[in-house]
Amino acid sequence: MRARLGIGKSRLLAELLEAAQTSEVPMRTLVAVCPPFRRPHTLGALVDAIRQSLDRIAGLGLSPLAGSLRPLFPEWAADLPAAPEPAEDATAVRHRLFGVLCELLDAMGISVLAVEDAHCADEASLEFLLFLCARRTRRISVVVTYRPEDLPEDSVVRRLFSPVAPSTTRLRIALGPLDVAATAGLVSSMLAGEQVSEEFAEFVHRGTDGIPLAVEESIRRMGDRADLARRDGAWVRREIEDIDVPPTIRDAVMERFRRTSSPARTLLEAAAGRCHVSRG
């Protein structure tokens, strides 16, 4: 599931997971959220998700190879088997660890694994997803969300787009911004379901590009500043020419700006009229 910042992939994922948990045959889900660290921890998001979902590991009936989990879960060392004999090389160590992690997810009864913001994930976590999807034994549904604009060209995420096993099925969802009608619907939902004038909906859409997060934050800010008014049974804007950018949106844009290359920042500043670009 791919979408730009603020489009709503987290909300759609939450709806999907709720449907899975409340279905006729409830499915156990696990959500691993990848924070935007400069240097993400190896398997950090997955380990944190397991730790938060599981009180203790004793009684799961794991194989002796589960001793490989000791470095990841030192707090459970007393309940884990002894560390296995050292593997031949680093790739063998990784293969063994991936296998044990799959065993642990199976023992936990996980049916759906969601990895949110995979563009921030470490390479080992993404390689594990490939390993998990390629299994021919018990299947776990995997949901991956990411921002395409922040995904490196050589990211392992792109390999998930191709079939990794003959029986694997895939669904790619690309979320886009709202149109004017959908923007009006979102604004109306924030105003107790009351009608929104067409002119007001077009004004909000023009000022937010139809990005749901920007719409929500802008309406809240307009409400705080008393820029909203009811007229002839519908919500309208007062005499304002532009939408004031909410702090949350400004912070998100500036965070992305700081992560761009120096030439890109210079170009963006020039486009904003903040500096002069020499042609020399």
C-alpha atoms as a PDB file:
ATOM      1  CA  MET A   1       0.000   0.000   0.000  1.00  0.00           C
ATOM      2  CA  ARG A   2       1.679   3.179  -1.146  1.00  0.00           C
ATOM      3  CA  ALA A   3       0.696   6.774  -0.536  1.00  0.00           C
ATOM      4  CA  ARG A   4       2.210  10.183   0.058  1.00  0.00           C
ATOM      5  CA  LEU A   5       2.418  11.615   3.556  1.00  0.00           C
ATOM      6  CA  GLY A   6      -1.011  12.470   4.929  1.00  0.00           C
ATOM      7  CA  ILE A   7      -3.063  10.580   2.332  1.00  0.00           C
ATOM      8  CA  GLY A   8      -4.456   8.086   4.847  1.00  0.00           C
ATOM      9  CA  LYS A   9      -2.637   4.768   4.503  1.00  0.00           C
ATOM     10  CA  SER A  10      -2.403   4.370   8.296  1.00  0.00           C
ATOM     11  CA  ARG A  11      -6.146   4.858   8.646  1.00  0.00           C
ATOM     12  CA  LEU A  12      -6.905   2.385   5.860  1.00  0.00           C
ATOM     13  CA  LEU A  13      -4.523  -0.117   7.467  1.00  0.00           C
ATOM     14  CA  ALA A  14      -6.297   0.309  10.810  1.00  0.00           C
ATOM     15  CA  GLU A  15      -9.654  -0.395   9.127  1.00  0.00           C
ATOM     16  CA  LEU A  16      -8.206  -3.489   7.446  1.00  0.00           C
ATOM     17  CA  LEU A  17      -6.782  -4.851  10.693  1.00  0.00           C
ATOM     18  CA  GLU A  18     -10.024  -4.193  12.562  1.00  0.00           C
ATOM     19  CA  ALA A  19     -11.915  -6.122   9.882  1.00  0.00           C
ATOM     20  CA  ALA A  20      -9.460  -9.015  10.237  1.00  0.00           C
ATOM     21  CA  GLN A  21      -9.792  -9.059  14.023  1.00  0.00           C
ATOM     22  CA  THR A  22     -13.596  -8.922  13.999  1.00  0.00           C
ATOM     23  CA  SER A  23     -14.246 -11.291  11.081  1.00  0.00           C
ATOM     24  CA  GLU A  24     -16.307 -14.468  11.476  1.00  0.00           C
ATOM     25  CA  VAL A  25     -13.032 -16.282  12.097  1.00  0.00           C
ATOM     26  CA  PRO A  26     -10.984 -13.652  13.992  1.00  0.00           C
ATOM     27  CA  MET A  27      -7.383 -13.345  12.897  1.00  0.00           C
ATOM     28  CA  ARG A  28      -4.542 -12.352  15.188  1.00  0.00           C
ATOM     29  CA  THR A  29      -2.585  -9.408  13.834  1.00  0.00           C
ATOM     30  CA  LEU A  30       0.852  -7.947  14.524  1.00  0.00           C
ATOM     31  CA  VAL A  31       1.822  -4.402  13.547  1.00  0.00           C
ATOM     32  CA  ALA A  32       5.470  -3.369  13.201  1.00  0.00           C
ATOM     33  CA  VAL A  33       5.900   0.400  12.846  1.00  0.00           C
ATOM     34  CA  CYS A  34       9.230   1.597  11.422  1.00  0.00           C
ATOM     35  CA  PRO A  35      10.311   4.918  13.015  1.00  0.00           C
ATOM     36  CA  PRO A  36      12.235   7.411  10.836  1.00  0.00           C
ATOM     37  CA  PHE A  37      15.605   6.779  12.493  1.00  0.00           C
ATOM     38  CA  ARG A  38      18.736   7.924  10.701  1.00  0.00           C
ATOM     39  CA  ARG A  39      20.123   4.425  11.256  1.00  0.00           C
ATOM     40  CA  PRO A  40      17.310   1.961  11.998  1.00  0.00           C
ATOM     41  CA  HIS A  41      18.032  -0.917  14.373  1.00  0.00           C
ATOM     42  CA  THR A  42      18.399  -4.356  12.813  1.00  0.00           C
ATOM     43  CA  LEU A  43      14.969  -6.029  12.911  1.00  0.00           C
ATOM     44  CA  GLY A  44      14.020  -3.321  15.432  1.00  0.00           C
ATOM     45  CA  ALA A  45      10.407  -2.704  14.385  1.00  0.00           C
ATOM     46  CA  LEU A  46       9.586  -6.425  14.276  1.00  0.00           C
ATOM     47  CA  VAL A  47      11.280  -7.135  17.604  1.00  0.00           C
ATOM     48  CA  ASP A  48       9.446  -4.241  19.281  1.00  0.00           C
ATOM     49  CA  ALA A  49       6.111  -5.422  17.873  1.00  0.00           C
ATOM     50  CA  ILE A  50       6.653  -8.976  19.155  1.00  0.00           C
ATOM     51  CA  ARG A  51       7.793  -7.708  22.551  1.00  0.00           C
ATOM     52  CA  GLN A  52       4.686  -5.525  22.912  1.00  0.00           C
ATOM     53  CA  SER A  53       2.366  -8.334  21.814  1.00  0.00           C
ATOM     54  CA  LEU A  54       3.844 -11.132  23.927  1.00  0.00           C
ATOM     55  CA  ASP A  55       4.203 -11.079  27.715  1.00  0.00           C
ATOM     56  CA  ARG A  56       6.510 -14.080  27.871  1.00  0.00           C
ATOM     57  CA  ILE A  57       7.877 -16.681  25.522  1.00  0.00           C
ATOM     58  CA  ALA A  58       7.719 -19.695  27.834  1.00  0.00           C
ATOM     59  CA  GLY A  59       5.232 -22.383  26.858  1.00  0.00           C
ATOM     60  CA  LEU A  60       5.230 -21.686  23.114  1.00  0.00           C
ATOM     61  CA  GLY A  61       6.980 -24.979  22.373  1.00  0.00           C
ATOM     62  CA  LEU A  62       9.751 -23.506  20.230  1.00  0.00           C
ATOM     63  CA  SER A  63      12.506 -25.678  18.771  1.00  0.00           C
ATOM     64  CA  PRO A  64      16.073 -25.732  20.179  1.00  0.00           C
ATOM     65  CA  LEU A  65      17.076 -23.287  17.423  1.00  0.00           C
ATOM     66  CA  ALA A  66      15.019 -20.646  19.242  1.00  0.00           C
ATOM     67  CA  GLY A  67      18.169 -19.995  21.260  1.00  0.00           C
ATOM     68  CA  SER A  68      19.105 -17.783  18.306  1.00  0.00           C
ATOM     69  CA  LEU A  69      16.576 -15.277  19.640  1.00  0.00           C
ATOM     70  CA  ARG A  70      18.589 -14.565  22.796  1.00  0.00           C
ATOM     71  CA  PRO A  71      20.392 -11.476  21.382  1.00  0.00           C
ATOM     72  CA  LEU A  72      17.062 -10.001  20.223  1.00  0.00           C
ATOM     73  CA  PHE A  73      15.125 -10.765  23.423  1.00  0.00           C
ATOM     74  CA  PRO A  74      17.626 -10.834  26.304  1.00  0.00           C
ATOM     75  CA  GLU A  75      14.799 -10.393  28.820  1.00  0.00           C
ATOM     76  CA  TRP A  76      13.477 -13.835  27.823  1.00  0.00           C
ATOM     77  CA  ALA A  77      16.842 -15.600  28.021  1.00  0.00           C
ATOM     78  CA  ALA A  78      15.757 -17.731  30.991  1.00  0.00           C
ATOM     79  CA  ASP A  79      12.857 -19.167  28.960  1.00  0.00           C
ATOM     80  CA  LEU A  80      14.780 -19.735  25.724  1.00  0.00           C
ATOM     81  CA  PRO A  81      16.896 -22.761  24.807  1.00  0.00           C
ATOM     82  CA  ALA A  82      20.661 -22.491  24.928  1.00  0.00           C
ATOM     83  CA  ALA A  83      22.304 -20.659  22.045  1.00  0.00           C
ATOM     84  CA  PRO A  84      22.901 -23.084  19.141  1.00  0.00           C
ATOM     85  CA  GLU A  85      26.307 -23.899  17.752  1.00  0.00           C
ATOM     86  CA  PRO A  86      27.768 -21.063  15.642  1.00  0.00           C
ATOM     87  CA  ALA A  87      26.770 -21.183  11.969  1.00  0.00           C
ATOM     88  CA  GLU A  88      29.314 -21.361   9.164  1.00  0.00           C
ATOM     89  CA  ASP A  89      28.951 -17.773   7.970  1.00  0.00           C
ATOM     90  CA  ALA A  90      26.839 -14.635   8.299  1.00  0.00           C
ATOM     91  CA  THR A  91      24.321 -15.723   5.656  1.00  0.00           C
ATOM     92  CA  ALA A  92      23.733 -19.007   7.482  1.00  0.00           C
ATOM     93  CA  VAL A  93      23.234 -17.099  10.742  1.00  0.00           C
ATOM     94  CA  ARG A  94      20.671 -14.858   9.062  1.00  0.00           C
ATOM     95  CA  HIS A  95      18.856 -17.804   7.463  1.00  0.00           C
ATOM     96  CA  ARG A  96      18.629 -19.576  10.810  1.00  0.00           C
ATOM     97  CA  LEU A  97      17.372 -16.433  12.557  1.00  0.00           C
ATOM     98  CA  PHE A  98      14.731 -15.795   9.902  1.00  0.00           C
ATOM     99  CA  GLY A  99      13.508 -19.367  10.245  1.00  0.00           C
ATOM    100  CA  VAL A 100      13.208 -19.053  14.017  1.00  0.00           C
ATOM    101  CA  LEU A 101      11.345 -15.736  13.708  1.00  0.00           C
ATOM    102  CA  CYS A 102       8.850 -17.446  11.388  1.00  0.00           C
ATOM    103  CA  GLU A 103       8.526 -20.236  13.952  1.00  0.00           C
ATOM    104  CA  LEU A 104       7.844 -17.656  16.663  1.00  0.00           C
ATOM    105  CA  LEU A 105       5.154 -15.894  14.605  1.00  0.00           C
ATOM    106  CA  ASP A 106       3.504 -19.258  13.933  1.00  0.00           C
ATOM    107  CA  ALA A 107       3.600 -20.145  17.635  1.00  0.00           C
ATOM    108  CA  MET A 108       2.001 -16.787  18.461  1.00  0.00           C
ATOM    109  CA  GLY A 109      -0.801 -17.574  16.015  1.00  0.00           C
ATOM    110  CA  ILE A 110      -0.181 -14.503  13.869  1.00  0.00           C
ATOM    111  CA  SER A 111      -2.309 -14.481  10.714  1.00  0.00           C
ATOM    112  CA  VAL A 112      -1.622 -10.928   9.495  1.00  0.00           C
ATOM    113  CA  LEU A 113       1.716  -9.107   9.795  1.00  0.00           C
ATOM    114  CA  ALA A 114       1.589  -5.402   8.957  1.00  0.00           C
ATOM    115  CA  VAL A 115       4.768  -3.380   8.445  1.00  0.00           C
ATOM    116  CA  GLU A 116       4.036   0.330   8.463  1.00  0.00           C
ATOM    117  CA  ASP A 117       6.330   2.942   6.871  1.00  0.00           C
ATOM    118  CA  ALA A 118       8.568   0.329   5.272  1.00  0.00           C
ATOM    119  CA  HIS A 119      10.572   3.109   3.583  1.00  0.00           C
ATOM    120  CA  CYS A 120      12.151   3.603   7.045  1.00  0.00           C
ATOM    121  CA  ALA A 121      12.844  -0.097   7.677  1.00  0.00           C
ATOM    122  CA  ASP A 122      16.297  -1.619   7.946  1.00  0.00           C
ATOM    123  CA  GLU A 123      17.416  -4.001   5.219  1.00  0.00           C
ATOM    124  CA  ALA A 124      17.304  -7.084   7.465  1.00  0.00           C
ATOM    125  CA  SER A 125      13.618  -6.508   8.228  1.00  0.00           C
ATOM    126  CA  LEU A 126      12.786  -6.247   4.532  1.00  0.00           C
ATOM    127  CA  GLU A 127      14.848  -9.345   3.729  1.00  0.00           C
ATOM    128  CA  PHE A 128      12.881 -11.159   6.422  1.00  0.00           C
ATOM    129  CA  LEU A 129       9.627 -10.219   4.682  1.00  0.00           C
ATOM    130  CA  LEU A 130      10.943 -11.801   1.486  1.00  0.00           C
ATOM    131  CA  PHE A 131      11.848 -14.929   3.452  1.00  0.00           C
ATOM    132  CA  LEU A 132       8.425 -15.010   5.124  1.00  0.00           C
ATOM    133  CA  CYS A 133       6.510 -14.596   1.863  1.00  0.00           C
ATOM    134  CA  ALA A 134       8.561 -17.305   0.148  1.00  0.00           C
ATOM    135  CA  ARG A 135       7.619 -20.001   2.669  1.00  0.00           C
ATOM    136  CA  ARG A 136       5.654 -22.970   1.377  1.00  0.00           C
ATOM    137  CA  THR A 137       4.404 -23.964   4.826  1.00  0.00           C
ATOM    138  CA  ARG A 138       1.929 -21.991   6.952  1.00  0.00           C
ATOM    139  CA  ARG A 139       1.041 -18.716   5.276  1.00  0.00           C
ATOM    140  CA  ILE A 140       0.887 -15.336   6.969  1.00  0.00           C
ATOM    141  CA  SER A 141      -0.706 -12.417   5.165  1.00  0.00           C
ATOM    142  CA  VAL A 142       1.731  -9.505   4.932  1.00  0.00           C
ATOM    143  CA  VAL A 143       0.655  -5.872   4.557  1.00  0.00           C
ATOM    144  CA  VAL A 144       3.350  -3.291   3.778  1.00  0.00           C
ATOM    145  CA  THR A 145       2.817   0.472   3.666  1.00  0.00           C
ATOM    146  CA  TYR A 146       5.322   2.995   2.378  1.00  0.00           C
ATOM    147  CA  ARG A 147       5.768   6.450   0.892  1.00  0.00           C
ATOM    148  CA  PRO A 148       6.982   6.154  -2.715  1.00  0.00           C
ATOM    149  CA  GLU A 149       8.740   9.525  -2.604  1.00  0.00           C
ATOM    150  CA  ASP A 150      10.913   8.335   0.310  1.00  0.00           C
ATOM    151  CA  LEU A 151      11.692   4.861  -1.029  1.00  0.00           C
ATOM    152  CA  PRO A 152      15.296   4.437  -2.272  1.00  0.00           C
ATOM    153  CA  GLU A 153      15.657   3.125  -5.814  1.00  0.00           C
ATOM    154  CA  ASP A 154      17.501   0.022  -4.579  1.00  0.00           C
ATOM    155  CA  SER A 155      15.125  -0.691  -1.668  1.00  0.00           C
ATOM    156  CA  VAL A 156      14.314  -4.328  -0.961  1.00  0.00           C
ATOM    157  CA  VAL A 157      10.655  -3.249  -0.805  1.00  0.00           C
ATOM    158  CA  ARG A 158      10.613  -3.206  -4.608  1.00  0.00           C
ATOM    159  CA  ARG A 159      11.420  -6.919  -4.655  1.00  0.00           C
ATOM    160  CA  LEU A 160       8.189  -7.579  -2.802  1.00  0.00           C
ATOM    161  CA  PHE A 161       6.348  -6.365  -5.909  1.00  0.00           C
ATOM    162  CA  SER A 162       7.400  -9.537  -7.753  1.00  0.00           C
ATOM    163  CA  PRO A 163       6.070 -13.014  -6.904  1.00  0.00           C
ATOM    164  CA  VAL A 164       8.408 -14.648  -4.386  1.00  0.00           C
ATOM    165  CA  ALA A 165       6.568 -17.985  -4.384  1.00  0.00           C
ATOM    166  CA  PRO A 166       4.291 -19.659  -6.980  1.00  0.00           C
ATOM    167  CA  SER A 167       1.259 -19.677  -4.672  1.00  0.00           C
ATOM    168  CA  THR A 168       1.707 -16.109  -3.449  1.00  0.00           C
ATOM    169  CA  THR A 169      -1.007 -13.619  -4.369  1.00  0.00           C
ATOM    170  CA  ARG A 170      -0.422  -9.874  -4.281  1.00  0.00           C
ATOM    171  CA  LEU A 171      -2.542  -6.748  -4.264  1.00  0.00           C
ATOM    172  CA  ARG A 172      -0.970  -3.336  -4.819  1.00  0.00           C
ATOM    173  CA  ILE A 173      -2.958  -0.331  -3.629  1.00  0.00           C
ATOM    174  CA  ALA A 174      -1.972   3.226  -4.537  1.00  0.00           C
ATOM    175  CA  LEU A 175      -3.870   5.852  -2.567  1.00  0.00           C
ATOM    176  CA  GLY A 176      -4.326   9.304  -4.054  1.00  0.00           C
ATOM    177  CA  PRO A 177      -5.658  12.648  -2.838  1.00  0.00           C
ATOM    178  CA  LEU A 178      -9.350  13.444  -2.472  1.00  0.00           C
ATOM    179  CA  ASP A 179     -11.352  15.151  -5.197  1.00  0.00           C
ATOM    180  CA  VAL A 180     -13.568  18.152  -4.411  1.00  0.00           C
ATOM    181  CA  ALA A 181     -16.614  16.015  -3.596  1.00  0.00           C
ATOM    182  CA  ALA A 182     -14.648  13.767  -1.239  1.00  0.00           C
ATOM    183  CA  THR A 183     -13.062  16.837   0.356  1.00  0.00           C
ATOM    184  CA  ALA A 184     -16.543  18.224   0.995  1.00  0.00           C
ATOM    185  CA  GLY A 185     -17.528  14.912   2.566  1.00  0.00           C
ATOM    186  CA  LEU A 186     -14.517  14.916   4.890  1.00  0.00           C
ATOM    187  CA  VAL A 187     -15.105  18.526   5.935  1.00  0.00           C
ATOM    188  CA  SER A 188     -18.788  17.785   6.535  1.00  0.00           C
ATOM    189  CA  SER A 189     -17.875  14.810   8.752  1.00  0.00           C
ATOM    190  CA  MET A 190     -15.806  17.180  10.901  1.00  0.00           C
ATOM    191  CA  LEU A 191     -18.720  19.615  11.198  1.00  0.00           C
ATOM    192  CA  ALA A 192     -21.331  17.236  12.623  1.00  0.00           C
ATOM    193  CA  GLY A 193     -22.370  16.057   9.160  1.00  0.00           C
ATOM    194  CA  GLU A 194     -23.742  19.447   8.186  1.00  0.00           C
ATOM    195  CA  GLN A 195     -23.705  20.735   4.617  1.00  0.00           C
ATOM    196  CA  VAL A 196     -20.623  22.450   3.207  1.00  0.00           C
ATOM    197  CA  SER A 197     -20.979  24.998   0.415  1.00  0.00           C
ATOM    198  CA  GLU A 198     -19.493  24.071  -2.954  1.00  0.00           C
ATOM    199  CA  GLU A 199     -17.374  27.232  -2.962  1.00  0.00           C
ATOM    200  CA  PHE A 200     -15.970  26.386   0.480  1.00  0.00           C
ATOM    201  CA  ALA A 201     -15.185  22.795  -0.556  1.00  0.00           C
ATOM    202  CA  GLU A 202     -13.347  24.034  -3.647  1.00  0.00           C
ATOM    203  CA  PHE A 203     -11.427  26.562  -1.523  1.00  0.00           C
ATOM    204  CA  VAL A 204     -10.300  23.871   0.925  1.00  0.00           C
ATOM    205  CA  HIS A 205      -9.409  21.464  -1.877  1.00  0.00           C
ATOM    206  CA  ARG A 206      -7.363  24.115  -3.652  1.00  0.00           C
ATOM    207  CA  GLY A 207      -5.474  24.995  -0.482  1.00  0.00           C
ATOM    208  CA  THR A 208      -4.744  21.407   0.592  1.00  0.00           C
ATOM    209  CA  ASP A 209      -4.429  19.521  -2.718  1.00  0.00           C
ATOM    210  CA  GLY A 210      -7.029  17.130  -1.324  1.00  0.00           C
ATOM    211  CA  ILE A 211      -4.585  15.581   1.163  1.00  0.00           C
ATOM    212  CA  PRO A 212      -6.783  14.301   4.023  1.00  0.00           C
ATOM    213  CA  LEU A 213      -4.332  15.199   6.802  1.00  0.00           C
ATOM    214  CA  ALA A 214      -3.994  18.738   5.434  1.00  0.00           C
ATOM    215  CA  VAL A 215      -7.778  19.032   5.141  1.00  0.00           C
ATOM    216  CA  GLU A 216      -8.328  17.928   8.738  1.00  0.00           C
ATOM    217  CA  GLU A 217      -5.606  20.133  10.192  1.00  0.00           C
ATOM    218  CA  SER A 218      -6.724  23.140   8.128  1.00  0.00           C
ATOM    219  CA  ILE A 219     -10.363  22.839   9.201  1.00  0.00           C
ATOM    220  CA  ARG A 220      -9.333  22.557  12.856  1.00  0.00           C
ATOM    221  CA  ARG A 221      -7.125  25.626  12.488  1.00  0.00           C
ATOM    222  CA  MET A 222      -9.866  27.589  10.723  1.00  0.00           C
ATOM    223  CA  GLY A 223     -12.252  26.651  13.524  1.00  0.00           C
ATOM    224  CA  ASP A 224      -9.782  27.790  16.183  1.00  0.00           C
ATOM    225  CA  ARG A 225      -9.350  31.116  14.373  1.00  0.00           C
ATOM    226  CA  ALA A 226     -13.098  31.599  13.817  1.00  0.00           C
ATOM    227  CA  ASP A 227     -12.625  31.540  10.032  1.00  0.00           C
ATOM    228  CA  LEU A 228     -15.744  29.352   9.609  1.00  0.00           C
ATOM    229  CA  ALA A 229     -19.319  30.609   9.531  1.00  0.00           C
ATOM    230  CA  ARG A 230     -22.798  29.225   8.807  1.00  0.00           C
ATOM    231  CA  ARG A 231     -24.784  30.969   6.117  1.00  0.00           C
ATOM    232  CA  ASP A 232     -28.081  29.851   4.550  1.00  0.00           C
ATOM    233  CA  GLY A 233     -27.825  26.441   6.220  1.00  0.00           C
ATOM    234  CA  ALA A 234     -24.292  25.646   5.022  1.00  0.00           C
ATOM    235  CA  TRP A 235     -20.769  26.147   6.287  1.00  0.00           C
ATOM    236  CA  VAL A 236     -18.766  28.807   4.450  1.00  0.00           C
ATOM    237  CA  ARG A 237     -15.446  30.566   4.951  1.00  0.00           C
ATOM    238  CA  ARG A 238     -15.092  34.110   6.149  1.00  0.00           C
ATOM    239  CA  GLU A 239     -13.225  36.649   4.045  1.00  0.00           C
ATOM    240  CA  ILE A 240      -9.834  34.913   3.872  1.00  0.00           C
ATOM    241  CA  GLU A 241      -7.839  34.533   0.674  1.00  0.00           C
ATOM    242  CA  ASP A 242      -5.644  31.561   1.582  1.00  0.00           C
ATOM    243  CA  ILE A 243      -5.497  28.736   4.076  1.00  0.00           C
ATOM    244  CA  ASP A 244      -2.887  29.298   6.766  1.00  0.00           C
ATOM    245  CA  VAL A 245      -0.562  26.273   6.753  1.00  0.00           C
ATOM    246  CA  PRO A 246      -1.074  24.305  10.016  1.00  0.00           C
ATOM    247  CA  PRO A 247       2.083  23.713  12.114  1.00  0.00           C
ATOM    248  CA  THR A 248       1.856  19.925  11.734  1.00  0.00           C
ATOM    249  CA  ILE A 249       1.890  20.204   7.939  1.00  0.00           C
ATOM    250  CA  ARG A 250       4.678  22.787   7.992  1.00  0.00           C
ATOM    251  CA  ASP A 251       6.795  20.558  10.255  1.00  0.00           C
ATOM    252  CA  ALA A 252       6.282  17.534   7.987  1.00  0.00           C
ATOM    253  CA  VAL A 253       7.278  19.519   4.891  1.00  0.00           C
ATOM    254  CA  MET A 254      10.348  20.970   6.614  1.00  0.00           C
ATOM    255  CA  GLU A 255      11.406  17.512   7.793  1.00  0.00           C
ATOM    256  CA  ARG A 256      11.349  16.285   4.203  1.00  0.00           C
ATOM    257  CA  PHE A 257      13.127  19.455   3.067  1.00  0.00           C
ATOM    258  CA  ARG A 258      15.984  18.826   5.501  1.00  0.00           C
ATOM    259  CA  ARG A 259      16.446  15.306   4.133  1.00  0.00           C
ATOM    260  CA  THR A 260      16.863  16.423   0.525  1.00  0.00           C
ATOM    261  CA  SER A 261      20.249  16.965  -1.102  1.00  0.00           C
ATOM    262  CA  SER A 262      21.951  20.369  -0.984  1.00  0.00           C
ATOM    263  CA  PRO A 263      21.290  21.103  -4.707  1.00  0.00           C
ATOM    264  CA  ALA A 264      17.629  20.159  -4.254  1.00  0.00           C
ATOM    265  CA  ARG A 265      17.310  22.471  -1.239  1.00  0.00           C
ATOM    266  CA  THR A 266      18.871  25.330  -3.203  1.00  0.00           C
ATOM    267  CA  LEU A 267      16.399  24.767  -6.034  1.00  0.00           C
ATOM    268  CA  LEU A 268      13.438  24.642  -3.649  1.00  0.00           C
ATOM    269  CA  GLU A 269      14.551  27.827  -1.914  1.00  0.00           C
ATOM    270  CA  ALA A 270      14.885  29.548  -5.289  1.00  0.00           C
ATOM    271  CA  ALA A 271      11.393  28.400  -6.280  1.00  0.00           C
ATOM    272  CA  ALA A 272      10.105  29.847  -3.012  1.00  0.00           C
ATOM    273  CA  GLY A 273      11.831  33.151  -3.764  1.00  0.00           C
ATOM    274  CA  ARG A 274      14.235  32.873  -0.843  1.00  0.00           C
ATOM    275  CA  CYS A 275      17.536  32.980  -2.721  1.00  0.00           C
ATOM    276  CA  HIS A 276      19.209  33.582  -6.073  1.00  0.00           C
ATOM    277  CA  VAL A 277      20.678  30.662  -8.027  1.00  0.00           C
ATOM    278  CA  SER A 278      23.846  31.509  -9.920  1.00  0.00           C
ATOM    279  CA  ARG A 279      24.159  30.223 -13.469  1.00  0.00           C
ATOM    280  CA  GLY A 280      27.941  30.086 -13.189  1.00  0.00           C
END
